[in-house]
Amino acid sequence: MAERLEQFSDALAETVAAAAKSVLRVEGRARLAASGIAFSGDGMVLTAHHVVEQDEGLFVGIEKGEKLDARLVGRDPATDLALLKVEGSSLPAVAWANTPAPRVGHLVLALGRPGASIRATLGIVSAVGESWRTPMGGLVDHYLQSDVVMYPGFSGGPLVSADGRFIGLNTSALLPGASLTIPAATIQRIVPELLAHGKVRRGYLGITTQTVRLPGKTAERLGQPTGLLIVSVESKSPAERSGLLLGDTLLGMGDHPLRHVDDLVAELGSDRIDQEVSISVLRGGETRTVRVTVGQR
């Protein structure tokens, strides 16, 4: 038994040592440094948005203790991801897990490098769920929570599987009190947007809505129980220019029903920007169609 435990312990240490080469220190705020991941061999570094409090004076620390200048390529507050670039330096890119989300109970390691040396903590996957939207509206491909201890400076570092594959990026900022991981699938979707535009482009109407129950006959006719009541319209916004009014209830966009706020957010992807869309609304008990040209947030 003791021999097996020793073998297991040695295997964990080897996993940490191998993964540590791609875990970096990120200095982007006045207080404690955070962690980052060598995203690609050409100097791209992935970290958490909330630990990059400044756009200039950024540094990345590598395994040998050397500190390198970095510049901000882009950031997405909605998914808490930021991309940095270290010029003229080759970094050992991570090996991403290419399997579905880990199962509840799987052993995982959280790695961080807030100082010169690597740090690690062991835990299990405590919750796996479907895709979800962050409080700022970012789409995360699946919910992934572990019970690893997020020590100060671990945000921006990776969650690593038992075989040494990088599962995603750890963050303590998306939901208070929860150690969440932004999965690899979300990262692979967001990074190209940051490279191309410096941000994730999202459609914008300029309204605030809340879910409301539809009148019985309307709900029966449409086959949906709820819609989105407009509770505010921003001045000079696409919504105001199109004639959407306070008190309108949104029923659908194109062929897609709008039952919940998430439905509207999902319809306002980057492909909708500058496109005219048809929105069906309930106004004064009557259903009508309003044409809106989607802006950019």
Protein backbone atom coordinates (compact mmCIF):
# COMPACT_ATOMS: atom_id res chain seq x y z
CA MET A 1 0.00 0.00 0.00
CA ALA A 2 2.77 2.42 0.94
CA GLU A 3 4.55 1.65 -2.32
CA ARG A 4 1.43 2.46 -4.34
CA LEU A 5 0.97 5.74 -2.51
CA GLU A 6 4.59 6.62 -3.18
CA GLN A 7 4.16 5.81 -6.88
CA PHE A 8 1.03 7.94 -7.01
CA SER A 9 2.82 10.78 -5.24
CA ASP A 10 5.75 10.60 -7.64
CA ALA A 11 3.37 10.57 -10.62
CA LEU A 12 1.68 13.76 -9.38
CA ALA A 13 5.03 15.45 -8.91
CA GLU A 14 6.06 14.49 -12.45
CA THR A 15 2.79 15.83 -13.83
CA VAL A 16 3.33 19.15 -12.07
CA ALA A 17 6.94 19.37 -13.25
CA ALA A 18 5.97 18.75 -16.88
CA ALA A 19 3.05 21.20 -16.87
CA ALA A 20 5.02 23.86 -14.98
CA LYS A 21 7.03 24.72 -18.09
CA SER A 22 3.92 26.31 -19.62
CA VAL A 23 2.76 28.12 -16.46
CA LEU A 24 3.95 31.73 -16.22
CA ARG A 25 3.89 34.63 -13.80
CA VAL A 26 1.86 37.65 -14.93
CA GLU A 27 2.56 41.09 -13.46
CA GLY A 28 -0.36 43.27 -14.44
CA ARG A 29 -1.51 44.84 -11.19
CA ALA A 30 -0.02 46.74 -8.30
CA ARG A 31 -0.43 43.99 -5.72
CA LEU A 32 0.35 40.28 -5.92
CA ALA A 33 1.28 38.89 -9.33
CA ALA A 34 -0.99 36.30 -10.92
CA SER A 35 -0.52 33.36 -13.24
CA GLY A 36 -0.73 32.77 -16.97
CA ILE A 37 -0.57 30.01 -19.57
CA ALA A 38 1.77 29.84 -22.57
CA PHE A 39 -0.96 29.61 -25.18
CA SER A 40 1.26 29.20 -28.22
CA GLY A 41 4.94 28.89 -29.01
CA ASP A 42 5.12 32.37 -30.57
CA GLY A 43 4.84 34.20 -27.27
CA MET A 44 1.08 34.35 -26.73
CA VAL A 45 0.14 34.22 -23.05
CA LEU A 46 -3.37 33.61 -21.76
CA THR A 47 -4.43 34.88 -18.36
CA ALA A 48 -7.46 36.18 -16.47
CA HIS A 49 -8.83 39.59 -17.40
CA HIS A 50 -9.35 40.67 -13.81
CA VAL A 51 -5.65 40.32 -12.92
CA VAL A 52 -4.55 42.64 -15.77
CA GLU A 53 -5.54 45.96 -14.24
CA GLN A 54 -3.29 48.03 -16.51
CA ASP A 55 -2.78 48.12 -20.27
CA GLU A 56 0.91 49.04 -20.13
CA GLY A 57 3.90 48.09 -17.98
CA LEU A 58 3.08 44.38 -18.21
CA PHE A 59 5.61 41.64 -17.51
CA VAL A 60 5.66 37.87 -17.78
CA GLY A 61 7.93 35.69 -15.64
CA ILE A 62 9.06 32.35 -17.06
CA GLU A 63 10.23 29.16 -15.39
CA LYS A 64 13.90 30.16 -15.26
CA GLY A 65 13.02 33.31 -13.32
CA GLU A 66 13.57 35.69 -16.22
CA LYS A 67 11.12 38.61 -16.53
CA LEU A 68 10.01 39.59 -20.04
CA ASP A 69 8.13 42.62 -21.33
CA ALA A 70 4.61 41.90 -22.53
CA ARG A 71 1.90 43.85 -24.30
CA LEU A 72 -1.86 43.48 -24.13
CA VAL A 73 -3.36 41.93 -27.27
CA GLY A 74 -6.96 41.91 -26.12
CA ARG A 75 -9.34 41.14 -23.29
CA ASP A 76 -12.87 39.91 -22.74
CA PRO A 77 -14.29 40.88 -19.34
CA ALA A 78 -17.42 38.81 -19.98
CA THR A 79 -15.46 35.54 -19.87
CA ASP A 80 -12.58 36.88 -17.74
CA LEU A 81 -9.94 36.16 -20.38
CA ALA A 82 -7.00 38.31 -21.48
CA LEU A 83 -4.32 37.66 -24.09
CA LEU A 84 -0.77 39.01 -23.84
CA LYS A 85 2.14 38.88 -26.25
CA VAL A 86 5.81 38.46 -25.38
CA GLU A 87 7.83 39.64 -28.36
CA GLY A 88 10.83 37.67 -29.61
CA SER A 89 10.40 34.78 -27.24
CA SER A 90 9.41 31.17 -27.76
CA LEU A 91 7.36 29.67 -24.96
CA PRO A 92 6.45 25.99 -24.43
CA ALA A 93 2.81 25.90 -25.52
CA VAL A 94 0.32 23.91 -23.47
CA ALA A 95 -1.13 20.55 -24.44
CA TRP A 96 -4.89 21.08 -24.30
CA ALA A 97 -7.20 18.24 -23.38
CA ASN A 98 -9.15 17.17 -26.46
CA THR A 99 -11.73 15.12 -24.60
CA PRO A 100 -15.16 16.19 -23.32
CA ALA A 101 -15.49 17.83 -19.92
CA PRO A 102 -14.09 15.78 -17.04
CA ARG A 103 -16.55 13.94 -14.86
CA VAL A 104 -17.43 14.79 -11.30
CA GLY A 105 -14.90 13.06 -9.06
CA HIS A 106 -11.96 13.20 -11.46
CA LEU A 107 -8.69 14.23 -9.85
CA VAL A 108 -7.36 17.60 -11.04
CA LEU A 109 -4.45 19.90 -10.23
CA ALA A 110 -4.55 23.68 -10.12
CA LEU A 111 -1.20 25.27 -10.92
CA GLY A 112 -0.02 28.81 -10.34
CA ARG A 113 3.15 30.85 -10.49
CA PRO A 114 2.54 34.08 -8.56
CA GLY A 115 6.20 33.96 -7.53
CA ALA A 116 9.34 32.54 -9.08
CA SER A 117 8.49 28.88 -8.44
CA ILE A 118 5.54 26.74 -9.43
CA ARG A 119 2.79 26.07 -6.92
CA ALA A 120 0.17 23.36 -7.04
CA THR A 121 -2.93 22.16 -5.24
CA LEU A 122 -4.85 18.90 -5.67
CA GLY A 123 -8.60 18.42 -5.73
CA ILE A 124 -11.48 16.85 -7.59
CA VAL A 125 -14.02 18.08 -10.11
CA SER A 126 -17.00 18.93 -7.95
CA ALA A 127 -19.56 20.04 -10.56
CA VAL A 128 -19.99 19.83 -14.33
CA GLY A 129 -22.91 21.40 -16.13
CA GLU A 130 -24.22 22.69 -19.41
CA SER A 131 -23.25 25.92 -21.13
CA TRP A 132 -23.99 29.06 -19.13
CA ARG A 133 -23.70 32.82 -19.30
CA THR A 134 -21.62 34.84 -16.89
CA PRO A 135 -23.13 37.83 -15.08
CA MET A 136 -21.63 40.03 -17.85
CA GLY A 137 -23.19 37.96 -20.62
CA GLY A 138 -20.23 35.87 -21.77
CA LEU A 139 -21.01 32.38 -23.03
CA VAL A 140 -19.03 29.59 -21.33
CA ASP A 141 -19.28 26.23 -23.11
CA HIS A 142 -19.83 24.22 -19.96
CA TYR A 143 -19.91 24.80 -16.24
CA LEU A 144 -16.82 23.40 -14.54
CA GLN A 145 -16.19 23.75 -10.81
CA SER A 146 -13.57 22.06 -8.67
CA ASP A 147 -12.78 22.02 -4.96
CA VAL A 148 -9.13 23.03 -5.48
CA VAL A 149 -7.96 25.80 -3.18
CA MET A 150 -7.51 28.98 -5.21
CA TYR A 151 -4.55 30.46 -3.41
CA PRO A 152 -3.79 34.17 -4.03
CA GLY A 153 -2.21 34.55 -7.45
CA PHE A 154 -3.63 31.31 -8.90
CA SER A 155 -6.16 33.08 -11.14
CA GLY A 156 -5.05 32.84 -14.76
CA GLY A 157 -3.31 29.51 -14.18
CA PRO A 158 -4.48 26.15 -15.52
CA LEU A 159 -6.56 23.28 -14.27
CA VAL A 160 -4.66 20.13 -15.24
CA SER A 161 -5.94 16.58 -15.59
CA ALA A 162 -4.22 13.59 -14.02
CA ASP A 163 -2.46 12.85 -17.33
CA GLY A 164 -1.03 16.36 -17.53
CA ARG A 165 -3.43 17.84 -20.09
CA PHE A 166 -4.64 21.39 -19.62
CA ILE A 167 -8.42 21.44 -19.08
CA GLY A 168 -8.91 25.19 -18.87
CA LEU A 169 -8.07 28.43 -17.08
CA ASN A 170 -8.90 29.00 -13.42
CA THR A 171 -10.61 32.14 -12.20
CA SER A 172 -11.98 33.35 -8.89
CA ALA A 173 -13.78 36.38 -10.37
CA LEU A 174 -16.75 35.07 -12.37
CA LEU A 175 -18.87 33.87 -9.45
CA PRO A 176 -18.08 34.89 -5.85
CA GLY A 177 -17.04 32.00 -3.65
CA ALA A 178 -16.61 29.48 -6.48
CA SER A 179 -13.43 28.09 -8.02
CA LEU A 180 -14.42 27.99 -11.68
CA THR A 181 -12.52 26.94 -14.77
CA ILE A 182 -12.99 28.46 -18.22
CA PRO A 183 -12.89 25.31 -20.37
CA ALA A 184 -10.59 24.82 -23.35
CA ALA A 185 -13.51 24.95 -25.79
CA THR A 186 -14.39 28.49 -24.67
CA ILE A 187 -10.75 29.56 -24.79
CA GLN A 188 -10.31 28.23 -28.34
CA ARG A 189 -13.39 30.21 -29.39
CA ILE A 190 -12.48 33.49 -27.67
CA VAL A 191 -8.76 33.73 -28.51
CA PRO A 192 -9.25 34.17 -32.30
CA GLU A 193 -11.60 37.08 -31.57
CA LEU A 194 -9.01 38.70 -29.32
CA LEU A 195 -6.31 38.21 -31.95
CA ALA A 196 -8.49 39.70 -34.69
CA HIS A 197 -10.22 42.53 -32.84
CA GLY A 198 -8.66 42.93 -29.40
CA LYS A 199 -12.04 42.14 -27.88
CA VAL A 200 -15.05 39.92 -28.40
CA ARG A 201 -17.51 41.78 -30.55
CA ARG A 202 -21.11 41.49 -29.39
CA GLY A 203 -24.31 42.89 -30.82
CA TYR A 204 -26.04 45.78 -29.10
CA LEU A 205 -29.60 47.09 -29.08
CA GLY A 206 -29.46 49.52 -26.15
CA ILE A 207 -32.29 48.09 -24.08
CA THR A 208 -32.76 46.50 -20.68
CA THR A 209 -35.30 43.70 -20.45
CA GLN A 210 -36.85 41.36 -17.94
CA THR A 211 -38.75 38.12 -18.41
CA VAL A 212 -42.55 38.41 -18.08
CA ARG A 213 -45.43 36.00 -18.55
CA LEU A 214 -47.47 36.54 -21.69
CA PRO A 215 -51.27 36.87 -21.65
CA GLY A 216 -52.98 33.50 -21.90
CA LYS A 217 -54.28 33.77 -25.46
CA THR A 218 -51.03 35.25 -26.75
CA ALA A 219 -48.97 32.57 -25.05
CA GLU A 220 -51.22 29.86 -26.51
CA ARG A 221 -51.07 31.34 -30.02
CA LEU A 222 -47.28 31.72 -29.98
CA GLY A 223 -46.55 28.50 -28.15
CA GLN A 224 -44.33 30.27 -25.61
CA PRO A 225 -45.24 31.26 -22.05
CA THR A 226 -42.92 34.26 -21.64
CA GLY A 227 -41.39 37.24 -23.46
CA LEU A 228 -39.01 40.08 -22.65
CA LEU A 229 -40.45 43.33 -21.34
CA ILE A 230 -38.40 46.41 -22.25
CA VAL A 231 -37.80 48.36 -19.03
CA SER A 232 -35.34 50.93 -20.42
CA VAL A 233 -34.22 52.24 -23.82
CA GLU A 234 -30.92 54.08 -24.19
CA SER A 235 -30.92 57.43 -25.97
CA LYS A 236 -29.70 57.32 -29.59
CA SER A 237 -29.38 53.53 -29.42
CA PRO A 238 -30.31 51.14 -32.25
CA ALA A 239 -33.49 50.30 -30.32
CA GLU A 240 -34.56 53.94 -30.05
CA ARG A 241 -33.76 54.66 -33.70
CA SER A 242 -35.85 51.67 -34.78
CA GLY A 243 -38.88 52.70 -32.73
CA LEU A 244 -38.77 50.16 -29.92
CA LEU A 245 -40.56 51.61 -26.90
CA LEU A 246 -40.49 51.30 -23.15
CA GLY A 247 -43.19 48.76 -22.29
CA ASP A 248 -42.89 46.73 -25.49
CA THR A 249 -42.60 42.99 -24.96
CA LEU A 250 -40.15 41.25 -27.26
CA LEU A 251 -41.47 37.93 -28.57
CA GLY A 252 -38.90 36.81 -31.09
CA MET A 253 -35.98 37.75 -33.33
CA GLY A 254 -36.21 36.32 -36.82
CA ASP A 255 -37.40 32.74 -36.44
CA HIS A 256 -36.15 32.39 -32.87
CA PRO A 257 -38.43 32.99 -29.85
CA LEU A 258 -37.24 35.28 -27.05
CA ARG A 259 -38.42 33.62 -23.85
CA HIS A 260 -35.57 34.62 -21.51
CA VAL A 261 -32.84 37.25 -21.39
CA ASP A 262 -30.29 34.59 -22.37
CA ASP A 263 -32.19 34.05 -25.62
CA LEU A 264 -31.68 37.69 -26.58
CA VAL A 265 -28.00 37.64 -25.61
CA ALA A 266 -27.50 34.50 -27.71
CA GLU A 267 -29.02 36.21 -30.75
CA LEU A 268 -26.69 39.22 -30.48
CA GLY A 269 -23.49 37.51 -31.60
CA SER A 270 -20.77 39.17 -33.66
CA ASP A 271 -22.41 37.97 -36.89
CA ARG A 272 -25.42 40.22 -36.15
CA ILE A 273 -23.44 43.47 -35.97
CA ASP A 274 -24.58 45.98 -38.65
CA GLN A 275 -27.26 43.52 -39.80
CA GLU A 276 -30.96 44.40 -39.95
CA VAL A 277 -33.13 41.96 -38.03
CA SER A 278 -36.86 41.53 -37.56
CA ILE A 279 -38.08 41.65 -33.97
CA SER A 280 -41.68 40.73 -33.15
CA VAL A 281 -43.12 42.70 -30.24
CA LEU A 282 -46.31 42.84 -28.27
CA ARG A 283 -47.51 46.46 -28.01
CA GLY A 284 -50.90 47.50 -26.71
CA GLY A 285 -52.17 43.93 -26.98
CA GLU A 286 -51.22 43.69 -30.66
CA THR A 287 -48.31 41.87 -32.26
CA ARG A 288 -46.18 43.82 -34.70
CA THR A 289 -42.76 43.60 -36.35
CA VAL A 290 -39.98 46.15 -35.87
CA ARG A 291 -36.85 46.23 -38.06
CA VAL A 292 -33.67 46.98 -36.11
CA THR A 293 -30.08 47.39 -37.30
CA VAL A 294 -27.91 45.79 -34.62
CA GLY A 295 -25.07 47.92 -33.29
CA GLN A 296 -21.85 46.89 -31.54
CA ARG A 297 -21.47 46.87 -27.78
